[in-house]
């Protein structure tokens, strides 16, 4: 993807506009598109880093990096989403590649854990993640835990 500006910030460093755009994209994807009625703001954002991919002033890619001990023993990546306008153009892979690099840099960890929607198993396998749990339901969507080993 060209003309993408990547920015990774702690919660405190986000501007009000950046936070608004993040929450708008997350709600567009996880609440409206996936038809999940749940509270997206789970208080984990305060301790997390937020990786944003901006293109011409539009937030086109986002994920959050959670520190070790917040969701799992290892650091983790969550709320991975891309604007529908950039899907199927390699943005998801670019986002996760950036996210892994920032996560390893921030926490010097040996492993990164994610809770992945089952339909994305092959996508995450191509990035080096391995399935480490049985199938479970989260917000009525099939998920598995996956681990990336450095």
Foldseek 3Di string as FASTA:
>chain_A
DPQKDKDKAQPVPDDPVRVVLLVVQLCVVVCVVVVFPDDPPPVQSNQWIKIFIDHPNHTFWIKIWGCQPPPHNHIEIDSTDGDPVCPPPCPSVVRVVVVVVVNCVVHVDQKYKYKAQPVCVVVVVVVQWDFDADWDADSNTTITMIMHGD
